[in-house]
Amino acid sequence: MMKLGLKIFALGILVIIIFTIDFPLREKALYGKYVNTNYENPICCVEAPHEPDTLILFRDGHFESGFYGKGRFEVSNGLVSRIILHYISDGEPALGNTYFSNKLFEKPKIILNADMNHVYTKSD
């Protein structure tokens, strides 16, 4: 009886882990159009858009956005998939360093502010 209880407990923990971890992004899932959501929250950081915006990541390493303009990006796929956006802000080189969320049964997201659920969500 004790072994059955331990097996059920271990299975429950495994299911919880599978549904809450971020999986590495496949190349096919990475590129495309991302739409800014939950931008209505109080402004917390100037490097994130607080208006409707679309970010397009191209296969050649470049991106376009109404907020960031045109620039290039780098992605590193490790335990956490990170993205660095290189762009020009007020005539000076700038960068945005953040990460992806890729949970089971959810669309990939680029996290802008995790506490406020301010993200770019993949739309295509």
PDB file of N, CA and C in Angstrom:
ATOM      1  N   MET A   1       0.829  -1.195   0.000  1.00  0.00           N
ATOM      2  CA  MET A   1       0.000   0.000   0.000  1.00  0.00           C
ATOM      3  C   MET A   1       0.873   1.258   0.000  1.00  0.00           C
ATOM      4  N   MET A   2       1.974   1.219   0.770  1.00  0.00           N
ATOM      5  CA  MET A   2       2.877   2.369   0.850  1.00  0.00           C
ATOM      6  C   MET A   2       3.546   2.620  -0.499  1.00  0.00           C
ATOM      7  N   LYS A   3       3.918   1.540  -1.220  1.00  0.00           N
ATOM      8  CA  LYS A   3       4.566   1.690  -2.523  1.00  0.00           C
ATOM      9  C   LYS A   3       3.611   2.315  -3.534  1.00  0.00           C
ATOM     10  N   LEU A   4       2.350   1.936  -3.500  1.00  0.00           N
ATOM     11  CA  LEU A   4       1.368   2.507  -4.408  1.00  0.00           C
ATOM     12  C   LEU A   4       1.204   4.003  -4.141  1.00  0.00           C
ATOM     13  N   GLY A   5       1.185   4.389  -2.884  1.00  0.00           N
ATOM     14  CA  GLY A   5       1.075   5.806  -2.520  1.00  0.00           C
ATOM     15  C   GLY A   5       2.271   6.599  -3.017  1.00  0.00           C
ATOM     16  N   LEU A   6       3.468   6.039  -2.893  1.00  0.00           N
ATOM     17  CA  LEU A   6       4.675   6.715  -3.382  1.00  0.00           C
ATOM     18  C   LEU A   6       4.662   6.844  -4.902  1.00  0.00           C
ATOM     19  N   LYS A   7       4.182   5.811  -5.594  1.00  0.00           N
ATOM     20  CA  LYS A   7       4.109   5.865  -7.057  1.00  0.00           C
ATOM     21  C   LYS A   7       3.126   6.945  -7.506  1.00  0.00           C
ATOM     22  N   ILE A   8       1.981   7.026  -6.854  1.00  0.00           N
ATOM     23  CA  ILE A   8       0.986   8.048  -7.198  1.00  0.00           C
ATOM     24  C   ILE A   8       1.543   9.437  -6.912  1.00  0.00           C
ATOM     25  N   PHE A   9       2.221   9.599  -5.795  1.00  0.00           N
ATOM     26  CA  PHE A   9       2.828  10.883  -5.441  1.00  0.00           C
ATOM     27  C   PHE A   9       3.878  11.280  -6.474  1.00  0.00           C
ATOM     28  N   ALA A  10       4.751  10.335  -6.850  1.00  0.00           N
ATOM     29  CA  ALA A  10       5.803  10.615  -7.834  1.00  0.00           C
ATOM     30  C   ALA A  10       5.189  10.964  -9.191  1.00  0.00           C
ATOM     31  N   LEU A  11       4.147  10.259  -9.583  1.00  0.00           N
ATOM     32  CA  LEU A  11       3.474  10.552 -10.843  1.00  0.00           C
ATOM     33  C   LEU A  11       2.848  11.947 -10.805  1.00  0.00           C
ATOM     34  N   GLY A  12       2.243  12.304  -9.690  1.00  0.00           N
ATOM     35  CA  GLY A  12       1.652  13.638  -9.536  1.00  0.00           C
ATOM     36  C   GLY A  12       2.699  14.731  -9.654  1.00  0.00           C
ATOM     37  N   ILE A  13       3.841  14.544  -9.010  1.00  0.00           N
ATOM     38  CA  ILE A  13       4.934  15.525  -9.091  1.00  0.00           C
ATOM     39  C   ILE A  13       5.427  15.641 -10.530  1.00  0.00           C
ATOM     40  N   LEU A  14       5.570  14.522 -11.225  1.00  0.00           N
ATOM     41  CA  LEU A  14       6.023  14.522 -12.616  1.00  0.00           C
ATOM     42  C   LEU A  14       5.048  15.291 -13.511  1.00  0.00           C
ATOM     43  N   VAL A  15       3.762  15.073 -13.331  1.00  0.00           N
ATOM     44  CA  VAL A  15       2.750  15.788 -14.123  1.00  0.00           C
ATOM     45  C   VAL A  15       2.830  17.289 -13.857  1.00  0.00           C
ATOM     46  N   ILE A  16       2.967  17.686 -12.607  1.00  0.00           N
ATOM     47  CA  ILE A  16       3.081  19.108 -12.255  1.00  0.00           C
ATOM     48  C   ILE A  16       4.308  19.722 -12.923  1.00  0.00           C
ATOM     49  N   ILE A  17       5.428  19.029 -12.886  1.00  0.00           N
ATOM     50  CA  ILE A  17       6.661  19.536 -13.500  1.00  0.00           C
ATOM     51  C   ILE A  17       6.480  19.703 -15.004  1.00  0.00           C
ATOM     52  N   ILE A  18       5.894  18.709 -15.660  1.00  0.00           N
ATOM     53  CA  ILE A  18       5.718  18.767 -17.113  1.00  0.00           C
ATOM     54  C   ILE A  18       4.845  19.950 -17.521  1.00  0.00           C
ATOM     55  N   PHE A  19       3.818  20.248 -16.739  1.00  0.00           N
ATOM     56  CA  PHE A  19       2.904  21.336 -17.102  1.00  0.00           C
ATOM     57  C   PHE A  19       3.396  22.715 -16.688  1.00  0.00           C
ATOM     58  N   THR A  20       4.455  22.812 -15.912  1.00  0.00           N
ATOM     59  CA  THR A  20       4.917  24.130 -15.462  1.00  0.00           C
ATOM     60  C   THR A  20       6.284  24.539 -15.994  1.00  0.00           C
ATOM     61  N   ILE A  21       7.062  23.618 -16.554  1.00  0.00           N
ATOM     62  CA  ILE A  21       8.390  24.005 -17.035  1.00  0.00           C
ATOM     63  C   ILE A  21       8.302  24.625 -18.425  1.00  0.00           C
ATOM     64  N   ASP A  22       9.309  25.391 -18.772  1.00  0.00           N
ATOM     65  CA  ASP A  22       9.446  25.948 -20.111  1.00  0.00           C
ATOM     66  C   ASP A  22      10.304  25.002 -20.937  1.00  0.00           C
ATOM     67  N   PHE A  23       9.797  24.617 -22.091  1.00  0.00           N
ATOM     68  CA  PHE A  23      10.531  23.738 -22.983  1.00  0.00           C
ATOM     69  C   PHE A  23      11.395  24.572 -23.927  1.00  0.00           C
ATOM     70  N   PRO A  24      12.552  24.072 -24.334  1.00  0.00           N
ATOM     71  CA  PRO A  24      13.376  24.813 -25.297  1.00  0.00           C
ATOM     72  C   PRO A  24      12.589  25.043 -26.587  1.00  0.00           C
ATOM     73  N   LEU A  25      12.805  26.188 -27.195  1.00  0.00           N
ATOM     74  CA  LEU A  25      12.104  26.523 -28.435  1.00  0.00           C
ATOM     75  C   LEU A  25      12.763  25.843 -29.623  1.00  0.00           C
ATOM     76  N   ARG A  26      11.944  25.253 -30.468  1.00  0.00           N
ATOM     77  CA  ARG A  26      12.454  24.734 -31.734  1.00  0.00           C
ATOM     78  C   ARG A  26      12.551  25.899 -32.704  1.00  0.00           C
ATOM     79  N   GLU A  27      13.427  25.776 -33.669  1.00  0.00           N
ATOM     80  CA  GLU A  27      13.637  26.863 -34.629  1.00  0.00           C
ATOM     81  C   GLU A  27      12.331  27.233 -35.332  1.00  0.00           C
ATOM     82  N   LYS A  28      11.522  26.249 -35.669  1.00  0.00           N
ATOM     83  CA  LYS A  28      10.255  26.497 -36.354  1.00  0.00           C
ATOM     84  C   LYS A  28       9.320  27.369 -35.503  1.00  0.00           C
ATOM     85  N   ALA A  29       9.331  27.173 -34.210  1.00  0.00           N
ATOM     86  CA  ALA A  29       8.433  27.910 -33.310  1.00  0.00           C
ATOM     87  C   ALA A  29       8.958  29.297 -32.958  1.00  0.00           C
ATOM     88  N   LEU A  30      10.227  29.544 -33.175  1.00  0.00           N
ATOM     89  CA  LEU A  30      10.858  30.796 -32.744  1.00  0.00           C
ATOM     90  C   LEU A  30      10.482  31.987 -33.618  1.00  0.00           C
ATOM     91  N   TYR A  31      10.587  31.838 -34.926  1.00  0.00           N
ATOM     92  CA  TYR A  31      10.419  32.963 -35.847  1.00  0.00           C
ATOM     93  C   TYR A  31       8.948  33.245 -36.116  1.00  0.00           C
ATOM     94  N   GLY A  32       8.661  34.508 -36.396  1.00  0.00           N
ATOM     95  CA  GLY A  32       7.297  34.873 -36.739  1.00  0.00           C
ATOM     96  C   GLY A  32       6.852  36.129 -36.024  1.00  0.00           C
ATOM     97  N   LYS A  33       5.542  36.283 -35.926  1.00  0.00           N
ATOM     98  CA  LYS A  33       4.926  37.497 -35.407  1.00  0.00           C
ATOM     99  C   LYS A  33       4.504  37.299 -33.950  1.00  0.00           C
ATOM    100  N   TYR A  34       4.876  38.269 -33.113  1.00  0.00           N
ATOM    101  CA  TYR A  34       4.497  38.283 -31.698  1.00  0.00           C
ATOM    102  C   TYR A  34       3.715  39.567 -31.422  1.00  0.00           C
ATOM    103  N   VAL A  35       2.628  39.453 -30.663  1.00  0.00           N
ATOM    104  CA  VAL A  35       1.766  40.598 -30.366  1.00  0.00           C
ATOM    105  C   VAL A  35       1.867  40.936 -28.885  1.00  0.00           C
ATOM    106  N   ASN A  36       2.033  42.217 -28.591  1.00  0.00           N
ATOM    107  CA  ASN A  36       2.148  42.730 -27.224  1.00  0.00           C
ATOM    108  C   ASN A  36       0.797  42.605 -26.510  1.00  0.00           C
ATOM    109  N   THR A  37       0.784  41.992 -25.331  1.00  0.00           N
ATOM    110  CA  THR A  37      -0.447  41.865 -24.547  1.00  0.00           C
ATOM    111  C   THR A  37      -0.218  42.336 -23.116  1.00  0.00           C
ATOM    112  N   ASN A  38      -1.299  42.711 -22.472  1.00  0.00           N
ATOM    113  CA  ASN A  38      -1.293  43.209 -21.086  1.00  0.00           C
ATOM    114  C   ASN A  38      -0.431  44.451 -20.927  1.00  0.00           C
ATOM    115  N   TYR A  39      -0.451  45.319 -21.906  1.00  0.00           N
ATOM    116  CA  TYR A  39       0.350  46.546 -21.863  1.00  0.00           C
ATOM    117  C   TYR A  39      -0.366  47.670 -21.129  1.00  0.00           C
ATOM    118  N   GLU A  40      -1.629  47.456 -20.720  1.00  0.00           N
ATOM    119  CA  GLU A  40      -2.403  48.506 -20.061  1.00  0.00           C
ATOM    120  C   GLU A  40      -1.992  48.717 -18.604  1.00  0.00           C
ATOM    121  N   ASN A  41      -1.232  47.804 -18.039  1.00  0.00           N
ATOM    122  CA  ASN A  41      -0.813  47.919 -16.635  1.00  0.00           C
ATOM    123  C   ASN A  41       0.010  49.189 -16.425  1.00  0.00           C
ATOM    124  N   PRO A  42       0.130  49.640 -15.181  1.00  0.00           N
ATOM    125  CA  PRO A  42       0.948  50.837 -14.913  1.00  0.00           C
ATOM    126  C   PRO A  42       2.356  50.674 -15.483  1.00  0.00           C
ATOM    127  N   ILE A  43       2.899  51.766 -15.977  1.00  0.00           N
ATOM    128  CA  ILE A  43       4.228  51.732 -16.591  1.00  0.00           C
ATOM    129  C   ILE A  43       5.270  51.416 -15.528  1.00  0.00           C
ATOM    130  N   CYS A  44       6.009  50.346 -15.774  1.00  0.00           N
ATOM    131  CA  CYS A  44       7.019  49.900 -14.808  1.00  0.00           C
ATOM    132  C   CYS A  44       8.424  50.038 -15.373  1.00  0.00           C
ATOM    133  N   CYS A  45       8.527  50.002 -16.676  1.00  0.00           N
ATOM    134  CA  CYS A  45       9.851  50.031 -17.296  1.00  0.00           C
ATOM    135  C   CYS A  45       9.740  50.704 -18.660  1.00  0.00           C
ATOM    136  N   VAL A  46      10.672  51.570 -18.954  1.00  0.00           N
ATOM    137  CA  VAL A  46      10.603  52.337 -20.197  1.00  0.00           C
ATOM    138  C   VAL A  46      11.015  51.522 -21.417  1.00  0.00           C
ATOM    139  N   GLU A  47      11.720  50.416 -21.218  1.00  0.00           N
ATOM    140  CA  GLU A  47      12.189  49.642 -22.367  1.00  0.00           C
ATOM    141  C   GLU A  47      11.142  48.660 -22.892  1.00  0.00           C
ATOM    142  N   ALA A  48       9.932  48.685 -22.338  1.00  0.00           N
ATOM    143  CA  ALA A  48       8.854  47.820 -22.807  1.00  0.00           C
ATOM    144  C   ALA A  48       7.702  48.678 -23.330  1.00  0.00           C
ATOM    145  N   PRO A  49       7.083  48.267 -24.437  1.00  0.00           N
ATOM    146  CA  PRO A  49       5.992  49.067 -24.996  1.00  0.00           C
ATOM    147  C   PRO A  49       4.736  49.008 -24.130  1.00  0.00           C
ATOM    148  N   HIS A  50       4.141  50.159 -23.885  1.00  0.00           N
ATOM    149  CA  HIS A  50       2.880  50.227 -23.143  1.00  0.00           C
ATOM    150  C   HIS A  50       1.785  50.731 -24.074  1.00  0.00           C
ATOM    151  N   GLU A  51       1.770  50.127 -25.244  1.00  0.00           N
ATOM    152  CA  GLU A  51       0.809  50.429 -26.304  1.00  0.00           C
ATOM    153  C   GLU A  51       0.764  49.194 -27.197  1.00  0.00           C
ATOM    154  N   PRO A  52      -0.252  49.063 -28.041  1.00  0.00           N
ATOM    155  CA  PRO A  52      -0.275  47.904 -28.940  1.00  0.00           C
ATOM    156  C   PRO A  52       0.988  47.874 -29.808  1.00  0.00           C
ATOM    157  N   ASP A  53       1.568  46.709 -29.954  1.00  0.00           N
ATOM    158  CA  ASP A  53       2.787  46.578 -30.749  1.00  0.00           C
ATOM    159  C   ASP A  53       2.885  45.162 -31.292  1.00  0.00           C
ATOM    160  N   THR A  54       3.535  45.034 -32.427  1.00  0.00           N
ATOM    161  CA  THR A  54       3.812  43.736 -33.030  1.00  0.00           C
ATOM    162  C   THR A  54       5.311  43.645 -33.269  1.00  0.00           C
ATOM    163  N   LEU A  55       5.891  42.535 -32.860  1.00  0.00           N
ATOM    164  CA  LEU A  55       7.320  42.261 -33.036  1.00  0.00           C
ATOM    165  C   LEU A  55       7.437  41.089 -33.998  1.00  0.00           C
ATOM    166  N   ILE A  56       8.182  41.273 -35.077  1.00  0.00           N
ATOM    167  CA  ILE A  56       8.373  40.202 -36.057  1.00  0.00           C
ATOM    168  C   ILE A  56       9.833  39.774 -36.025  1.00  0.00           C
ATOM    169  N   LEU A  57      10.069  38.493 -35.744  1.00  0.00           N
ATOM    170  CA  LEU A  57      11.419  37.920 -35.742  1.00  0.00           C
ATOM    171  C   LEU A  57      11.636  37.187 -37.060  1.00  0.00           C
ATOM    172  N   PHE A  58      12.645  37.608 -37.816  1.00  0.00           N
ATOM    173  CA  PHE A  58      12.959  37.005 -39.107  1.00  0.00           C
ATOM    174  C   PHE A  58      14.075  35.973 -38.949  1.00  0.00           C
ATOM    175  N   ARG A  59      14.075  34.999 -39.859  1.00  0.00           N
ATOM    176  CA  ARG A  59      15.065  33.916 -39.806  1.00  0.00           C
ATOM    177  C   ARG A  59      16.500  34.408 -39.935  1.00  0.00           C
ATOM    178  N   ASP A  60      16.718  35.552 -40.558  1.00  0.00           N
ATOM    179  CA  ASP A  60      18.083  36.048 -40.761  1.00  0.00           C
ATOM    180  C   ASP A  60      18.641  36.782 -39.539  1.00  0.00           C
ATOM    181  N   GLY A  61      17.897  36.792 -38.419  1.00  0.00           N
ATOM    182  CA  GLY A  61      18.398  37.419 -37.195  1.00  0.00           C
ATOM    183  C   GLY A  61      18.009  38.874 -37.037  1.00  0.00           C
ATOM    184  N   HIS A  62      17.142  39.369 -37.907  1.00  0.00           N
ATOM    185  CA  HIS A  62      16.668  40.747 -37.803  1.00  0.00           C
ATOM    186  C   HIS A  62      15.232  40.761 -37.298  1.00  0.00           C
ATOM    187  N   PHE A  63      14.813  41.902 -36.761  1.00  0.00           N
ATOM    188  CA  PHE A  63      13.437  42.043 -36.301  1.00  0.00           C
ATOM    189  C   PHE A  63      12.897  43.405 -36.693  1.00  0.00           C
ATOM    190  N   GLU A  64      11.577  43.514 -36.658  1.00  0.00           N
ATOM    191  CA  GLU A  64      10.882  44.785 -36.866  1.00  0.00           C
ATOM    192  C   GLU A  64       9.801  44.915 -35.809  1.00  0.00           C
ATOM    193  N   SER A  65       9.618  46.145 -35.327  1.00  0.00           N
ATOM    194  CA  SER A  65       8.615  46.425 -34.306  1.00  0.00           C
ATOM    195  C   SER A  65       8.255  47.897 -34.388  1.00  0.00           C
ATOM    196  N   GLY A  66       7.000  48.220 -34.113  1.00  0.00           N
ATOM    197  CA  GLY A  66       6.616  49.622 -34.063  1.00  0.00           C
ATOM    198  C   GLY A  66       7.294  50.355 -32.926  1.00  0.00           C
ATOM    199  N   PHE A  67       7.534  49.674 -31.811  1.00  0.00           N
ATOM    200  CA  PHE A  67       8.144  50.289 -30.629  1.00  0.00           C
ATOM    201  C   PHE A  67       9.666  50.331 -30.728  1.00  0.00           C
ATOM    202  N   TYR A  68      10.288  49.204 -31.046  1.00  0.00           N
ATOM    203  CA  TYR A  68      11.750  49.111 -31.084  1.00  0.00           C
ATOM    204  C   TYR A  68      12.338  49.530 -32.431  1.00  0.00           C
ATOM    205  N   GLY A  69      11.515  49.596 -33.468  1.00  0.00           N
ATOM    206  CA  GLY A  69      12.019  49.883 -34.802  1.00  0.00           C
ATOM    207  C   GLY A  69      12.603  48.627 -35.429  1.00  0.00           C
ATOM    208  N   LYS A  70      13.663  48.807 -36.202  1.00  0.00           N
ATOM    209  CA  LYS A  70      14.344  47.673 -36.828  1.00  0.00           C
ATOM    210  C   LYS A  70      15.645  47.425 -36.088  1.00  0.00           C
ATOM    211  N   GLY A  71      16.021  46.162 -36.010  1.00  0.00           N
ATOM    212  CA  GLY A  71      17.266  45.811 -35.338  1.00  0.00           C
ATOM    213  C   GLY A  71      17.591  44.356 -35.578  1.00  0.00           C
ATOM    214  N   ARG A  72      18.474  43.846 -34.761  1.00  0.00           N
ATOM    215  CA  ARG A  72      18.833  42.427 -34.868  1.00  0.00           C
ATOM    216  C   ARG A  72      18.653  41.783 -33.502  1.00  0.00           C
ATOM    217  N   PHE A  73      18.590  40.468 -33.495  1.00  0.00           N
ATOM    218  CA  PHE A  73      18.398  39.753 -32.237  1.00  0.00           C
ATOM    219  C   PHE A  73      19.284  38.519 -32.187  1.00  0.00           C
ATOM    220  N   GLU A  74      19.551  38.094 -30.963  1.00  0.00           N
ATOM    221  CA  GLU A  74      20.305  36.867 -30.709  1.00  0.00           C
ATOM    222  C   GLU A  74      19.469  36.007 -29.779  1.00  0.00           C
ATOM    223  N   VAL A  75      19.485  34.705 -30.015  1.00  0.00           N
ATOM    224  CA  VAL A  75      18.766  33.769 -29.156  1.00  0.00           C
ATOM    225  C   VAL A  75      19.749  32.743 -28.635  1.00  0.00           C
ATOM    226  N   SER A  76      19.652  32.437 -27.350  1.00  0.00           N
ATOM    227  CA  SER A  76      20.436  31.343 -26.776  1.00  0.00           C
ATOM    228  C   SER A  76      19.458  30.360 -26.144  1.00  0.00           C
ATOM    229  N   ASN A  77      19.560  29.118 -26.586  1.00  0.00           N
ATOM    230  CA  ASN A  77      18.692  28.064 -26.066  1.00  0.00           C
ATOM    231  C   ASN A  77      19.462  27.230 -25.065  1.00  0.00           C
ATOM    232  N   GLY A  78      19.235  27.482 -23.809  1.00  0.00           N
ATOM    233  CA  GLY A  78      19.810  26.675 -22.745  1.00  0.00           C
ATOM    234  C   GLY A  78      18.666  26.172 -21.895  1.00  0.00           C
ATOM    235  N   LEU A  79      18.884  26.095 -20.598  1.00  0.00           N
ATOM    236  CA  LEU A  79      17.779  25.757 -19.709  1.00  0.00           C
ATOM    237  C   LEU A  79      16.671  26.782 -19.833  1.00  0.00           C
ATOM    238  N   VAL A  80      17.065  28.035 -20.040  1.00  0.00           N
ATOM    239  CA  VAL A  80      16.114  29.119 -20.297  1.00  0.00           C
ATOM    240  C   VAL A  80      16.464  29.692 -21.665  1.00  0.00           C
ATOM    241  N   SER A  81      15.483  29.767 -22.542  1.00  0.00           N
ATOM    242  CA  SER A  81      15.715  30.363 -23.865  1.00  0.00           C
ATOM    243  C   SER A  81      15.689  31.875 -23.723  1.00  0.00           C
ATOM    244  N   ARG A  82      16.807  32.524 -24.028  1.00  0.00           N
ATOM    245  CA  ARG A  82      16.931  33.975 -23.873  1.00  0.00           C
ATOM    246  C   ARG A  82      16.946  34.646 -25.238  1.00  0.00           C
ATOM    247  N   ILE A  83      16.524  35.905 -25.265  1.00  0.00           N
ATOM    248  CA  ILE A  83      16.578  36.710 -26.477  1.00  0.00           C
ATOM    249  C   ILE A  83      17.146  38.078 -26.119  1.00  0.00           C
ATOM    250  N   ILE A  84      18.073  38.540 -26.954  1.00  0.00           N
ATOM    251  CA  ILE A  84      18.639  39.885 -26.802  1.00  0.00           C
ATOM    252  C   ILE A  84      18.296  40.661 -28.066  1.00  0.00           C
ATOM    253  N   LEU A  85      17.606  41.785 -27.897  1.00  0.00           N
ATOM    254  CA  LEU A  85      17.254  42.670 -29.007  1.00  0.00           C
ATOM    255  C   LEU A  85      18.257  43.807 -29.064  1.00  0.00           C
ATOM    256  N   HIS A  86      18.880  44.015 -30.213  1.00  0.00           N
ATOM    257  CA  HIS A  86      19.800  45.137 -30.431  1.00  0.00           C
ATOM    258  C   HIS A  86      19.081  46.141 -31.324  1.00  0.00           C
ATOM    259  N   TYR A  87      18.940  47.375 -30.842  1.00  0.00           N
ATOM    260  CA  TYR A  87      18.205  48.390 -31.592  1.00  0.00           C
ATOM    261  C   TYR A  87      18.757  49.772 -31.257  1.00  0.00           C
ATOM    262  N   ILE A  88      18.217  50.801 -31.885  1.00  0.00           N
ATOM    263  CA  ILE A  88      18.632  52.187 -31.638  1.00  0.00           C
ATOM    264  C   ILE A  88      17.515  52.890 -30.868  1.00  0.00           C
ATOM    265  N   SER A  89      17.860  53.539 -29.762  1.00  0.00           N
ATOM    266  CA  SER A  89      16.897  54.290 -28.952  1.00  0.00           C
ATOM    267  C   SER A  89      17.453  55.691 -28.719  1.00  0.00           C
ATOM    268  N   ASP A  90      16.728  56.701 -29.140  1.00  0.00           N
ATOM    269  CA  ASP A  90      17.174  58.095 -29.013  1.00  0.00           C
ATOM    270  C   ASP A  90      18.563  58.304 -29.619  1.00  0.00           C
ATOM    271  N   GLY A  91      18.811  57.660 -30.752  1.00  0.00           N
ATOM    272  CA  GLY A  91      20.071  57.822 -31.462  1.00  0.00           C
ATOM    273  C   GLY A  91      21.238  57.040 -30.886  1.00  0.00           C
ATOM    274  N   GLU A  92      21.019  56.286 -29.834  1.00  0.00           N
ATOM    275  CA  GLU A  92      22.078  55.505 -29.182  1.00  0.00           C
ATOM    276  C   GLU A  92      21.791  54.010 -29.303  1.00  0.00           C
ATOM    277  N   PRO A  93      22.840  53.185 -29.424  1.00  0.00           N
ATOM    278  CA  PRO A  93      22.624  51.739 -29.418  1.00  0.00           C
ATOM    279  C   PRO A  93      22.027  51.301 -28.077  1.00  0.00           C
ATOM    280  N   ALA A  94      21.058  50.405 -28.148  1.00  0.00           N
ATOM    281  CA  ALA A  94      20.407  49.896 -26.939  1.00  0.00           C
ATOM    282  C   ALA A  94      20.172  48.403 -27.104  1.00  0.00           C
ATOM    283  N   LEU A  95      19.903  47.745 -25.999  1.00  0.00           N
ATOM    284  CA  LEU A  95      19.552  46.335 -26.083  1.00  0.00           C
ATOM    285  C   LEU A  95      18.518  45.990 -25.029  1.00  0.00           C
ATOM    286  N   GLY A  96      17.702  45.024 -25.381  1.00  0.00           N
ATOM    287  CA  GLY A  96      16.720  44.461 -24.459  1.00  0.00           C
ATOM    288  C   GLY A  96      17.071  43.009 -24.244  1.00  0.00           C
ATOM    289  N   ASN A  97      17.201  42.606 -23.006  1.00  0.00           N
ATOM    290  CA  ASN A  97      17.608  41.249 -22.667  1.00  0.00           C
ATOM    291  C   ASN A  97      16.486  40.607 -21.865  1.00  0.00           C
ATOM    292  N   THR A  98      15.857  39.589 -22.421  1.00  0.00           N
ATOM    293  CA  THR A  98      14.757  38.933 -21.727  1.00  0.00           C
ATOM    294  C   THR A  98      14.733  37.455 -22.107  1.00  0.00           C
ATOM    295  N   TYR A  99      13.624  36.789 -21.861  1.00  0.00           N
ATOM    296  CA  TYR A  99      13.574  35.347 -22.086  1.00  0.00           C
ATOM    297  C   TYR A  99      12.224  34.930 -22.652  1.00  0.00           C
ATOM    298  N   PHE A 100      12.199  33.709 -23.166  1.00  0.00           N
ATOM    299  CA  PHE A 100      10.985  33.115 -23.716  1.00  0.00           C
ATOM    300  C   PHE A 100      10.310  32.258 -22.661  1.00  0.00           C
ATOM    301  N   SER A 101       9.005  32.144 -22.772  1.00  0.00           N
ATOM    302  CA  SER A 101       8.234  31.153 -22.030  1.00  0.00           C
ATOM    303  C   SER A 101       7.613  30.239 -23.075  1.00  0.00           C
ATOM    304  N   ASN A 102       7.799  28.938 -22.920  1.00  0.00           N
ATOM    305  CA  ASN A 102       7.269  27.973 -23.881  1.00  0.00           C
ATOM    306  C   ASN A 102       6.715  26.780 -23.115  1.00  0.00           C
ATOM    307  N   LYS A 103       5.531  26.968 -22.556  1.00  0.00           N
ATOM    308  CA  LYS A 103       4.896  25.924 -21.754  1.00  0.00           C
ATOM    309  C   LYS A 103       4.035  25.024 -22.639  1.00  0.00           C
ATOM    310  N   LEU A 104       3.791  23.823 -22.142  1.00  0.00           N
ATOM    311  CA  LEU A 104       2.973  22.844 -22.836  1.00  0.00           C
ATOM    312  C   LEU A 104       1.573  23.409 -23.061  1.00  0.00           C
ATOM    313  N   PHE A 105       1.045  23.258 -24.261  1.00  0.00           N
ATOM    314  CA  PHE A 105      -0.297  23.705 -24.656  1.00  0.00           C
ATOM    315  C   PHE A 105      -0.470  25.222 -24.639  1.00  0.00           C
ATOM    316  N   GLU A 106       0.616  25.997 -24.660  1.00  0.00           N
ATOM    317  CA  GLU A 106       0.543  27.456 -24.751  1.00  0.00           C
ATOM    318  C   GLU A 106       1.378  27.913 -25.940  1.00  0.00           C
ATOM    319  N   LYS A 107       1.046  29.079 -26.466  1.00  0.00           N
ATOM    320  CA  LYS A 107       1.864  29.671 -27.519  1.00  0.00           C
ATOM    321  C   LYS A 107       3.138  30.232 -26.896  1.00  0.00           C
ATOM    322  N   PRO A 108       4.249  30.228 -27.650  1.00  0.00           N
ATOM    323  CA  PRO A 108       5.482  30.832 -27.125  1.00  0.00           C
ATOM    324  C   PRO A 108       5.271  32.309 -26.805  1.00  0.00           C
ATOM    325  N   LYS A 109       5.957  32.773 -25.767  1.00  0.00           N
ATOM    326  CA  LYS A 109       5.852  34.168 -25.337  1.00  0.00           C
ATOM    327  C   LYS A 109       7.242  34.727 -25.092  1.00  0.00           C
ATOM    328  N   ILE A 110       7.394  36.022 -25.351  1.00  0.00           N
ATOM    329  CA  ILE A 110       8.590  36.756 -24.950  1.00  0.00           C
ATOM    330  C   ILE A 110       8.173  37.570 -23.736  1.00  0.00           C
ATOM    331  N   ILE A 111       8.814  37.329 -22.607  1.00  0.00           N
ATOM    332  CA  ILE A 111       8.417  37.955 -21.350  1.00  0.00           C
ATOM    333  C   ILE A 111       9.018  39.355 -21.253  1.00  0.00           C
ATOM    334  N   LEU A 112       8.171  40.352 -21.048  1.00  0.00           N
ATOM    335  CA  LEU A 112       8.626  41.724 -20.826  1.00  0.00           C
ATOM    336  C   LEU A 112       8.627  42.048 -19.338  1.00  0.00           C
ATOM    337  N   ASN A 113       7.575  41.640 -18.631  1.00  0.00           N
ATOM    338  CA  ASN A 113       7.490  41.804 -17.181  1.00  0.00           C
ATOM    339  C   ASN A 113       6.646  40.651 -16.654  1.00  0.00           C
ATOM    340  N   ALA A 114       7.298  39.670 -16.052  1.00  0.00           N
ATOM    341  CA  ALA A 114       6.609  38.469 -15.592  1.00  0.00           C
ATOM    342  C   ALA A 114       5.596  38.778 -14.491  1.00  0.00           C
ATOM    343  N   ASP A 115       5.909  39.720 -13.611  1.00  0.00           N
ATOM    344  CA  ASP A 115       5.002  40.044 -12.508  1.00  0.00           C
ATOM    345  C   ASP A 115       3.675  40.609 -12.999  1.00  0.00           C
ATOM    346  N   MET A 116       3.703  41.384 -14.069  1.00  0.00           N
ATOM    347  CA  MET A 116       2.491  42.011 -14.617  1.00  0.00           C
ATOM    348  C   MET A 116       1.909  41.205 -15.782  1.00  0.00           C
ATOM    349  N   ASN A 117       2.513  40.049 -16.093  1.00  0.00           N
ATOM    350  CA  ASN A 117       2.113  39.232 -17.236  1.00  0.00           C
ATOM    351  C   ASN A 117       2.131  40.058 -18.528  1.00  0.00           C
ATOM    352  N   HIS A 118       3.124  40.916 -18.652  1.00  0.00           N
ATOM    353  CA  HIS A 118       3.305  41.763 -19.836  1.00  0.00           C
ATOM    354  C   HIS A 118       4.219  41.000 -20.784  1.00  0.00           C
ATOM    355  N   VAL A 119       3.659  40.554 -21.902  1.00  0.00           N
ATOM    356  CA  VAL A 119       4.392  39.663 -22.799  1.00  0.00           C
ATOM    357  C   VAL A 119       4.087  39.985 -24.258  1.00  0.00           C
ATOM    358  N   TYR A 120       4.960  39.497 -25.135  1.00  0.00           N
ATOM    359  CA  TYR A 120       4.648  39.369 -26.553  1.00  0.00           C
ATOM    360  C   TYR A 120       4.238  37.909 -26.739  1.00  0.00           C
ATOM    361  N   THR A 121       3.041  37.661 -27.259  1.00  0.00           N
ATOM    362  CA  THR A 121       2.561  36.304 -27.494  1.00  0.00           C
ATOM    363  C   THR A 121       2.613  36.007 -28.986  1.00  0.00           C
ATOM    364  N   LYS A 122       3.137  34.839 -29.332  1.00  0.00           N
ATOM    365  CA  LYS A 122       3.252  34.463 -30.748  1.00  0.00           C
ATOM    366  C   LYS A 122       1.862  34.356 -31.352  1.00  0.00           C
ATOM    367  N   SER A 123       1.678  34.981 -32.521  1.00  0.00           N
ATOM    368  CA  SER A 123       0.350  34.993 -33.135  1.00  0.00           C
ATOM    369  C   SER A 123       0.248  34.121 -34.382  1.00  0.00           C
ATOM    370  N   ASP A 124       1.360  33.691 -34.952  1.00  0.00           N
ATOM    371  CA  ASP A 124       1.272  32.814 -36.134  1.00  0.00           C
ATOM    372  C   ASP A 124       2.128  31.595 -35.981  1.00  0.00           C
TER     373      ASP A 124
END
